[in-house]
Structures are given as structure tokens and as C-alpha cells.
C-alpha atoms as a PDB file:
ATOM      1  CA  MET A   1       0.000   0.000   0.000  1.00  0.00           C
ATOM      2  CA  PRO A   2       2.774   2.587   0.851  1.00  0.00           C
ATOM      3  CA  ARG A   3       4.414   1.726  -2.473  1.00  0.00           C
ATOM      4  CA  LEU A   4       1.137   2.350  -4.349  1.00  0.00           C
ATOM      5  CA  VAL A   5       0.679   5.680  -2.566  1.00  0.00           C
ATOM      6  CA  SER A   6       4.225   6.638  -3.443  1.00  0.00           C
ATOM      7  CA  THR A   7       3.637   5.745  -7.092  1.00  0.00           C
ATOM      8  CA  LEU A   8       0.497   7.864  -7.253  1.00  0.00           C
ATOM      9  CA  ARG A   9       2.300  10.830  -5.718  1.00  0.00           C
ATOM     10  CA  THR A  10       5.216  10.603  -8.118  1.00  0.00           C
ATOM     11  CA  PRO A  11       4.559  12.058 -11.586  1.00  0.00           C
ATOM     12  CA  GLY A  12       5.607   9.833 -14.473  1.00  0.00           C
ATOM     13  CA  HIS A  13       4.699   7.014 -16.821  1.00  0.00           C
ATOM     14  CA  ARG A  14       4.150   4.467 -14.064  1.00  0.00           C
ATOM     15  CA  ARG A  15       1.565   6.628 -12.314  1.00  0.00           C
ATOM     16  CA  GLY A  16      -0.254   7.116 -15.616  1.00  0.00           C
ATOM     17  CA  VAL A  17      -0.460   3.342 -16.155  1.00  0.00           C
ATOM     18  CA  VAL A  18      -1.823   2.745 -12.653  1.00  0.00           C
ATOM     19  CA  VAL A  19      -4.420   5.495 -13.028  1.00  0.00           C
ATOM     20  CA  ARG A  20      -5.600   4.190 -16.411  1.00  0.00           C
ATOM     21  CA  ARG A  21      -5.935   0.661 -15.055  1.00  0.00           C
ATOM     22  CA  ALA A  22      -7.869   1.900 -12.048  1.00  0.00           C
ATOM     23  CA  VAL A  23     -10.243   3.854 -14.279  1.00  0.00           C
ATOM     24  CA  ALA A  24     -10.736   0.807 -16.542  1.00  0.00           C
ATOM     25  CA  VAL A  25     -11.574  -1.416 -13.565  1.00  0.00           C
ATOM     26  CA  ALA A  26     -14.000   1.176 -12.218  1.00  0.00           C
ATOM     27  CA  LEU A  27     -15.756   1.449 -15.584  1.00  0.00           C
ATOM     28  CA  LEU A  28     -15.993  -2.343 -15.853  1.00  0.00           C
ATOM     29  CA  ILE A  29     -17.527  -2.616 -12.391  1.00  0.00           C
ATOM     30  CA  ALA A  30     -19.991   0.151 -13.233  1.00  0.00           C
ATOM     31  CA  ALA A  31     -20.987  -1.590 -16.476  1.00  0.00           C
ATOM     32  CA  LEU A  32     -21.542  -4.904 -14.693  1.00  0.00           C
ATOM     33  CA  ALA A  33     -23.611  -3.224 -12.009  1.00  0.00           C
ATOM     34  CA  SER A  34     -25.697  -1.464 -14.653  1.00  0.00           C
ATOM     35  CA  ALA A  35     -26.264  -4.715 -16.565  1.00  0.00           C
ATOM     36  CA  LEU A  36     -27.308  -6.572 -13.422  1.00  0.00           C
ATOM     37  CA  SER A  37     -29.666  -3.782 -12.468  1.00  0.00           C
ATOM     38  CA  ALA A  38     -31.254  -3.758 -15.928  1.00  0.00           C
ATOM     39  CA  ALA A  39     -31.644  -7.547 -15.900  1.00  0.00           C
ATOM     40  CA  LYS A  40     -33.482  -7.421 -12.587  1.00  0.00           C
ATOM     41  CA  GLU A  41     -35.981  -4.988 -14.087  1.00  0.00           C
ATOM     42  CA  LEU A  42     -36.876  -7.286 -17.033  1.00  0.00           C
ATOM     43  CA  PRO A  43     -40.186  -9.171 -16.773  1.00  0.00           C
ATOM     44  CA  ARG A  44     -40.065 -12.868 -15.885  1.00  0.00           C
ATOM     45  CA  VAL A  45     -41.962 -15.342 -18.066  1.00  0.00           C
ATOM     46  CA  PRO A  46     -42.325 -19.150 -18.014  1.00  0.00           C
ATOM     47  CA  VAL A  47     -40.109 -20.990 -20.505  1.00  0.00           C
ATOM     48  CA  PHE A  48     -39.469 -24.657 -21.227  1.00  0.00           C
ATOM     49  CA  SER A  49     -36.390 -25.822 -19.343  1.00  0.00           C
ATOM     50  CA  ARG A  50     -35.654 -28.637 -21.809  1.00  0.00           C
ATOM     51  CA  ASP A  51     -36.710 -30.018 -25.172  1.00  0.00           C
ATOM     52  CA  LEU A  52     -40.095 -31.744 -24.953  1.00  0.00           C
ATOM     53  CA  PRO A  53     -42.070 -33.877 -27.426  1.00  0.00           C
ATOM     54  CA  ALA A  54     -45.644 -33.178 -28.470  1.00  0.00           C
ATOM     55  CA  GLY A  55     -48.168 -34.597 -26.010  1.00  0.00           C
ATOM     56  CA  ALA A  56     -45.816 -34.401 -23.020  1.00  0.00           C
ATOM     57  CA  GLU A  57     -47.337 -33.635 -19.626  1.00  0.00           C
ATOM     58  CA  LEU A  58     -45.451 -30.815 -17.935  1.00  0.00           C
ATOM     59  CA  ALA A  59     -43.649 -31.515 -14.667  1.00  0.00           C
ATOM     60  CA  LEU A  60     -42.350 -28.802 -12.355  1.00  0.00           C
ATOM     61  CA  ALA A  61     -38.799 -29.431 -13.582  1.00  0.00           C
ATOM     62  CA  ASP A  62     -39.886 -28.770 -17.183  1.00  0.00           C
ATOM     63  CA  VAL A  63     -40.614 -25.071 -16.544  1.00  0.00           C
ATOM     64  CA  ASP A  64     -38.267 -22.209 -15.652  1.00  0.00           C
ATOM     65  CA  LEU A  65     -38.784 -18.486 -15.193  1.00  0.00           C
ATOM     66  CA  ALA A  66     -36.606 -16.354 -17.462  1.00  0.00           C
ATOM     67  CA  ARG A  67     -36.120 -12.594 -17.641  1.00  0.00           C
ATOM     68  CA  LEU A  68     -36.599 -11.352 -21.195  1.00  0.00           C
ATOM     69  CA  PRO A  69     -37.049  -7.984 -22.897  1.00  0.00           C
ATOM     70  CA  SER A  70     -40.698  -7.104 -23.429  1.00  0.00           C
ATOM     71  CA  SER A  71     -40.116  -7.071 -27.183  1.00  0.00           C
ATOM     72  CA  SER A  72     -39.180 -10.779 -27.041  1.00  0.00           C
ATOM     73  CA  ILE A  73     -42.303 -11.877 -25.154  1.00  0.00           C
ATOM     74  CA  PRO A  74     -45.295 -12.972 -27.298  1.00  0.00           C
ATOM     75  CA  ASP A  75     -48.687 -11.471 -26.485  1.00  0.00           C
ATOM     76  CA  SER A  76     -50.009 -15.004 -25.896  1.00  0.00           C
ATOM     77  CA  ALA A  77     -47.356 -15.879 -23.278  1.00  0.00           C
ATOM     78  CA  VAL A  78     -48.973 -17.535 -20.272  1.00  0.00           C
ATOM     79  CA  ALA A  79     -49.045 -15.558 -17.038  1.00  0.00           C
ATOM     80  CA  ALA A  80     -48.593 -18.395 -14.592  1.00  0.00           C
ATOM     81  CA  LYS A  81     -46.124 -19.730 -12.052  1.00  0.00           C
ATOM     82  CA  PRO A  82     -44.277 -22.973 -12.901  1.00  0.00           C
ATOM     83  CA  GLU A  83     -46.275 -24.936 -10.334  1.00  0.00           C
ATOM     84  CA  GLU A  84     -49.520 -23.752 -11.942  1.00  0.00           C
ATOM     85  CA  LEU A  85     -48.470 -25.316 -15.245  1.00  0.00           C
ATOM     86  CA  THR A  86     -47.740 -28.742 -13.786  1.00  0.00           C
ATOM     87  CA  GLY A  87     -49.903 -31.398 -15.428  1.00  0.00           C
ATOM     88  CA  ARG A  88     -50.721 -29.345 -18.529  1.00  0.00           C
ATOM     89  CA  VAL A  89     -50.219 -31.120 -21.860  1.00  0.00           C
ATOM     90  CA  ILE A  90     -48.325 -29.501 -24.723  1.00  0.00           C
ATOM     91  CA  THR A  91     -49.682 -29.858 -28.245  1.00  0.00           C
ATOM     92  CA  ALA A  92     -46.460 -29.630 -30.259  1.00  0.00           C
ATOM     93  CA  ALA A  93     -42.772 -30.267 -29.717  1.00  0.00           C
ATOM     94  CA  ALA A  94     -41.110 -27.500 -27.700  1.00  0.00           C
ATOM     95  CA  GLY A  95     -37.498 -26.346 -27.500  1.00  0.00           C
ATOM     96  CA  LYS A  96     -35.444 -25.439 -24.440  1.00  0.00           C
ATOM     97  CA  GLY A  97     -35.813 -21.751 -23.592  1.00  0.00           C
ATOM     98  CA  GLU A  98     -38.974 -21.284 -25.655  1.00  0.00           C
ATOM     99  CA  VAL A  99     -41.596 -19.014 -24.084  1.00  0.00           C
ATOM    100  CA  ILE A 100     -44.711 -20.969 -23.081  1.00  0.00           C
ATOM    101  CA  THR A 101     -47.806 -19.637 -24.855  1.00  0.00           C
ATOM    102  CA  ASP A 102     -51.495 -20.515 -24.786  1.00  0.00           C
ATOM    103  CA  ALA A 103     -51.138 -22.119 -28.216  1.00  0.00           C
ATOM    104  CA  ARG A 104     -48.708 -24.683 -26.761  1.00  0.00           C
ATOM    105  CA  LEU A 105     -51.101 -25.967 -24.097  1.00  0.00           C
ATOM    106  CA  LEU A 106     -54.291 -27.972 -24.326  1.00  0.00           C
ATOM    107  CA  GLY A 107     -57.134 -25.860 -23.038  1.00  0.00           C
ATOM    108  CA  GLU A 108     -60.125 -23.689 -23.834  1.00  0.00           C
ATOM    109  CA  GLU A 109     -58.012 -20.857 -25.246  1.00  0.00           C
ATOM    110  CA  LEU A 110     -56.291 -23.186 -27.706  1.00  0.00           C
ATOM    111  CA  VAL A 111     -59.511 -24.772 -28.931  1.00  0.00           C
ATOM    112  CA  SER A 112     -61.185 -21.396 -29.387  1.00  0.00           C
ATOM    113  CA  SER A 113     -58.205 -20.050 -31.332  1.00  0.00           C
ATOM    114  CA  LEU A 114     -58.204 -23.087 -33.631  1.00  0.00           C
ATOM    115  CA  VAL A 115     -61.919 -23.285 -34.366  1.00  0.00           C
ATOM    116  CA  GLY A 116     -63.134 -19.753 -33.642  1.00  0.00           C
ATOM    117  CA  GLY A 117     -66.831 -18.973 -33.879  1.00  0.00           C
ATOM    118  CA  SER A 118     -69.295 -17.462 -31.431  1.00  0.00           C
ATOM    119  CA  GLU A 119     -69.806 -18.469 -27.824  1.00  0.00           C
ATOM    120  CA  ASP A 120     -73.069 -20.171 -28.845  1.00  0.00           C
ATOM    121  CA  ALA A 121     -71.068 -22.442 -31.150  1.00  0.00           C
ATOM    122  CA  ALA A 122     -68.304 -23.123 -28.651  1.00  0.00           C
ATOM    123  CA  ALA A 123     -65.667 -25.588 -29.776  1.00  0.00           C
ATOM    124  CA  ARG A 124     -65.072 -28.984 -28.251  1.00  0.00           C
ATOM    125  CA  MET A 125     -62.149 -31.394 -28.224  1.00  0.00           C
ATOM    126  CA  ILE A 126     -62.857 -34.985 -29.155  1.00  0.00           C
ATOM    127  CA  PRO A 127     -60.547 -38.002 -29.565  1.00  0.00           C
ATOM    128  CA  VAL A 128     -61.260 -39.778 -32.846  1.00  0.00           C
ATOM    129  CA  LYS A 129     -60.132 -43.339 -33.473  1.00  0.00           C
ATOM    130  CA  LEU A 130     -59.214 -43.607 -37.130  1.00  0.00           C
ATOM    131  CA  ALA A 131     -59.946 -46.645 -39.269  1.00  0.00           C
ATOM    132  CA  GLU A 132     -56.863 -45.736 -41.331  1.00  0.00           C
ATOM    133  CA  PRO A 133     -54.182 -44.930 -38.704  1.00  0.00           C
ATOM    134  CA  ASP A 134     -51.405 -44.766 -41.322  1.00  0.00           C
ATOM    135  CA  ILE A 135     -52.415 -41.144 -41.927  1.00  0.00           C
ATOM    136  CA  ILE A 136     -51.520 -40.076 -38.367  1.00  0.00           C
ATOM    137  CA  PRO A 137     -47.768 -39.517 -38.980  1.00  0.00           C
ATOM    138  CA  HIS A 138     -48.747 -37.070 -41.728  1.00  0.00           C
ATOM    139  CA  LEU A 139     -50.982 -34.948 -39.485  1.00  0.00           C
ATOM    140  CA  HIS A 140     -49.589 -31.789 -37.879  1.00  0.00           C
ATOM    141  CA  HIS A 141     -50.891 -29.660 -35.047  1.00  0.00           C
ATOM    142  CA  GLY A 142     -53.271 -27.063 -36.508  1.00  0.00           C
ATOM    143  CA  ASP A 143     -54.081 -28.977 -39.710  1.00  0.00           C
ATOM    144  CA  THR A 144     -57.625 -28.458 -40.994  1.00  0.00           C
ATOM    145  CA  VAL A 145     -59.410 -31.750 -41.677  1.00  0.00           C
ATOM    146  CA  ASP A 146     -62.787 -33.152 -42.657  1.00  0.00           C
ATOM    147  CA  VAL A 147     -64.084 -36.260 -40.874  1.00  0.00           C
ATOM    148  CA  VAL A 148     -65.511 -38.833 -43.278  1.00  0.00           C
ATOM    149  CA  THR A 149     -66.935 -42.336 -43.203  1.00  0.00           C
ATOM    150  CA  ALA A 150     -67.728 -44.983 -45.813  1.00  0.00           C
ATOM    151  CA  VAL A 151     -71.315 -45.745 -46.778  1.00  0.00           C
ATOM    152  CA  ASP A 152     -72.246 -48.849 -48.763  1.00  0.00           C
ATOM    153  CA  ALA A 153     -74.067 -47.964 -51.966  1.00  0.00           C
ATOM    154  CA  ALA A 154     -76.175 -51.089 -51.535  1.00  0.00           C
ATOM    155  CA  SER A 155     -77.898 -51.326 -48.192  1.00  0.00           C
ATOM    156  CA  SER A 156     -78.120 -55.113 -48.406  1.00  0.00           C
ATOM    157  CA  PRO A 157     -76.841 -57.968 -50.622  1.00  0.00           C
ATOM    158  CA  SER A 158     -80.286 -58.187 -52.267  1.00  0.00           C
ATOM    159  CA  ASP A 159     -79.743 -54.735 -53.751  1.00  0.00           C
ATOM    160  CA  VAL A 160     -76.975 -56.157 -55.920  1.00  0.00           C
ATOM    161  CA  GLY A 161     -78.282 -57.754 -59.117  1.00  0.00           C
ATOM    162  CA  GLU A 162     -77.319 -61.270 -60.154  1.00  0.00           C
ATOM    163  CA  GLY A 163     -73.969 -61.271 -61.854  1.00  0.00           C
ATOM    164  CA  GLU A 164     -73.249 -57.690 -60.842  1.00  0.00           C
ATOM    165  CA  ALA A 165     -70.160 -56.748 -58.877  1.00  0.00           C
ATOM    166  CA  PRO A 166     -70.775 -55.058 -55.511  1.00  0.00           C
ATOM    167  CA  THR A 167     -70.673 -51.285 -55.739  1.00  0.00           C
ATOM    168  CA  ALA A 168     -67.725 -49.643 -53.982  1.00  0.00           C
ATOM    169  CA  PRO A 169     -68.582 -47.730 -50.799  1.00  0.00           C
ATOM    170  CA  THR A 170     -69.023 -43.991 -51.123  1.00  0.00           C
ATOM    171  CA  ALA A 171     -67.721 -41.331 -48.780  1.00  0.00           C
ATOM    172  CA  ARG A 172     -69.992 -39.361 -46.480  1.00  0.00           C
ATOM    173  CA  VAL A 173     -68.719 -36.263 -44.709  1.00  0.00           C
ATOM    174  CA  ILE A 174     -69.550 -36.264 -41.001  1.00  0.00           C
ATOM    175  CA  ALA A 175     -67.927 -32.925 -40.104  1.00  0.00           C
ATOM    176  CA  THR A 176     -65.926 -30.205 -41.821  1.00  0.00           C
ATOM    177  CA  GLY A 177     -63.412 -27.680 -40.548  1.00  0.00           C
ATOM    178  CA  GLY A 178     -61.933 -29.796 -37.765  1.00  0.00           C
ATOM    179  CA  ARG A 179     -58.491 -28.801 -36.471  1.00  0.00           C
ATOM    180  CA  VAL A 180     -55.820 -31.240 -35.329  1.00  0.00           C
ATOM    181  CA  VAL A 181     -54.864 -30.574 -31.720  1.00  0.00           C
ATOM    182  CA  SER A 182     -52.537 -33.479 -31.067  1.00  0.00           C
ATOM    183  CA  THR A 183     -51.612 -36.874 -32.453  1.00  0.00           C
ATOM    184  CA  SER A 184     -49.618 -37.959 -29.392  1.00  0.00           C
ATOM    185  CA  ASN A 185     -50.387 -39.447 -26.026  1.00  0.00           C
ATOM    186  CA  ALA A 186     -49.396 -38.060 -22.622  1.00  0.00           C
ATOM    187  CA  GLU A 187     -45.928 -39.601 -22.919  1.00  0.00           C
ATOM    188  CA  GLY A 188     -45.261 -37.800 -26.176  1.00  0.00           C
ATOM    189  CA  GLU A 189     -45.441 -40.991 -28.252  1.00  0.00           C
ATOM    190  CA  ALA A 190     -47.528 -41.158 -31.404  1.00  0.00           C
ATOM    191  CA  SER A 191     -50.886 -42.764 -30.733  1.00  0.00           C
ATOM    192  CA  SER A 192     -51.531 -45.952 -32.708  1.00  0.00           C
ATOM    193  CA  SER A 193     -54.919 -44.888 -34.066  1.00  0.00           C
ATOM    194  CA  THR A 194     -56.345 -41.885 -32.208  1.00  0.00           C
ATOM    195  CA  VAL A 195     -56.124 -38.187 -33.029  1.00  0.00           C
ATOM    196  CA  LEU A 196     -57.418 -35.319 -30.886  1.00  0.00           C
ATOM    197  CA  LEU A 197     -59.565 -32.882 -32.888  1.00  0.00           C
ATOM    198  CA  ALA A 198     -61.117 -29.509 -32.113  1.00  0.00           C
ATOM    199  CA  LEU A 199     -64.580 -29.140 -33.648  1.00  0.00           C
ATOM    200  CA  PRO A 200     -67.577 -26.821 -33.329  1.00  0.00           C
ATOM    201  CA  HIS A 201     -70.013 -28.124 -30.709  1.00  0.00           C
ATOM    202  CA  ASP A 202     -72.597 -29.560 -33.132  1.00  0.00           C
ATOM    203  CA  HIS A 203     -69.989 -31.218 -35.338  1.00  0.00           C
ATOM    204  CA  ALA A 204     -68.286 -32.745 -32.314  1.00  0.00           C
ATOM    205  CA  ASN A 205     -71.570 -34.371 -31.300  1.00  0.00           C
ATOM    206  CA  ASP A 206     -72.063 -35.733 -34.832  1.00  0.00           C
ATOM    207  CA  VAL A 207     -68.574 -37.224 -34.866  1.00  0.00           C
ATOM    208  CA  ALA A 208     -69.007 -38.754 -31.408  1.00  0.00           C
ATOM    209  CA  ALA A 209     -72.284 -40.388 -32.460  1.00  0.00           C
ATOM    210  CA  ALA A 210     -70.861 -41.679 -35.744  1.00  0.00           C
ATOM    211  CA  SER A 211     -67.810 -43.157 -34.010  1.00  0.00           C
ATOM    212  CA  LEU A 212     -70.061 -45.567 -32.110  1.00  0.00           C
ATOM    213  CA  SER A 213     -71.063 -47.486 -35.226  1.00  0.00           C
ATOM    214  CA  GLN A 214     -69.042 -46.343 -38.244  1.00  0.00           C
ATOM    215  CA  PRO A 215     -65.384 -46.381 -39.301  1.00  0.00           C
ATOM    216  CA  LEU A 216     -63.960 -42.866 -39.447  1.00  0.00           C
ATOM    217  CA  THR A 217     -60.979 -41.224 -41.060  1.00  0.00           C
ATOM    218  CA  VAL A 218     -59.871 -37.683 -41.838  1.00  0.00           C
ATOM    219  CA  VAL A 219     -59.018 -35.824 -45.030  1.00  0.00           C
ATOM    220  CA  ILE A 220     -56.519 -32.961 -44.877  1.00  0.00           C
ATOM    221  CA  VAL A 221     -57.971 -29.775 -46.354  1.00  0.00           C
ATOM    222  CA  GLY A 222     -56.887 -26.134 -46.209  1.00  0.00           C
ATOM    223  CA  ASP A 223     -53.456 -24.808 -47.134  1.00  0.00           C
ATOM    224  CA  ARG A 224     -51.532 -28.032 -46.521  1.00  0.00           C
ATOM    225  CA  ALA A 225     -53.809 -29.894 -48.944  1.00  0.00           C
ATOM    226  CA  HIS A 226     -52.491 -27.705 -51.772  1.00  0.00           C
ATOM    227  CA  PRO A 227     -48.685 -27.914 -52.082  1.00  0.00           C
ATOM    228  CA  GLN A 228     -47.088 -24.650 -53.144  1.00  0.00           C
ATOM    229  CA  GLN A 229     -46.049 -24.479 -56.751  1.00  0.00           C
ATOM    230  CA  SER A 230     -42.377 -23.769 -57.327  1.00  0.00           C
END
């Protein structure tokens, strides 16, 4: 310490070096303090703490709170504590650090945003077991689909004339404008034959009734049904 005091009192190159280093350290400390102060003022939002597959059920360890600039926070970000999100199911694969939004979670807000419509025609979610499960890997969250079944052209064998070949079944549309919510189970694995759809209330009832006695499948409509031309 006496040597440092002596250096500062003695004009020369050495004193200049010491002073410049002291100023640099002081500026660095001030910058760090300013950055820490600014970070503490940023809003905290729930984010995924790790990569998760579609259909995963959130555990407490899957959610963190992160401080982000307001410009980086989506309007649909959920305003909830991590413990309040425990048990919620995500509809699509999520990446570590991604802000959790309403569109990522199964719930009333998601269904309403997918189907839309008035409160009188509130949407419903319904699991549909498909007669043709090979289509499931090709379905994506948010796809628009029609639910169809097969109807025999001849109601009984007697309707087919002698020597005539049986008429191929025809398609009958049960519901239109359905939206794919999820094709995975709670463990994030693809379901073998069931897809979760969001449908307007009346259409959901029609599909539920038809599923009791008829084979069902879905047809992709909307933008994804028409590949973009290059």
C-alpha cells in the first residue's frame, strides 16, 4: 500500500499506467452493475427448461422463469407460475428456452383459437379413433381436416343384381373444418390410431355419435392440402 501511494504521488509514466488501469476497472464494475440492475428490471416469463415432445405432460422441472425484454415476449405468453403449469399437456414439440404460450397448451383458449366462432357455437375437443391410422404420422398440429366415413351404396346384398359386382362404398362427410390438436399421447409418443380434434359443438356431437357405429378417417384440407407451386 505505501508503495502504491508513493507511485500515485510521483509524476511519471508508471503513475499514468496505474491510473488508467484503475479507471478501466471502475468502468468495468460500473458496467456490470448497470447490466445486473437492468436484468433485474426485465419481466419474468415461463419458458421450457428442456426439449419436450408433443403430447408431453409438464412436470415442475420442465418449466423455468426467465427474464426477457418485453419485445421478445409474445402477447399469448402464459401468465402463470411454474407450479400452476404442472400437469398441462403440450400440443407440439417444444425447444429449451422457448416461451410458453397458450397455443402450446391444451385448453379452452387453444380450442377457441383453432376453431373460432361465437360463444353459442363453442368448440369442443374430441378423440377420434381412425380406421386408417397410417395417416396419423402425416398430421400436424393445426391442420384443418374433414371427418368422413364410408357408406355402402347397396344397403343389403339383395340390392346387388345377379352377376353384378358389388358397388364400392361412397364417402360421407360427417364434419368439416376440424383442427388437429394433437396426435400424441401423454408420454409424447404417437398414438396408434387416435387423433385429438377440435370441432364446433354440433360437429363434435355428430362425430361422437358416428364413431359408435361407423369407421372414421380424416381428409386434410386447407393450405396443406395444396402444395405450393415452385
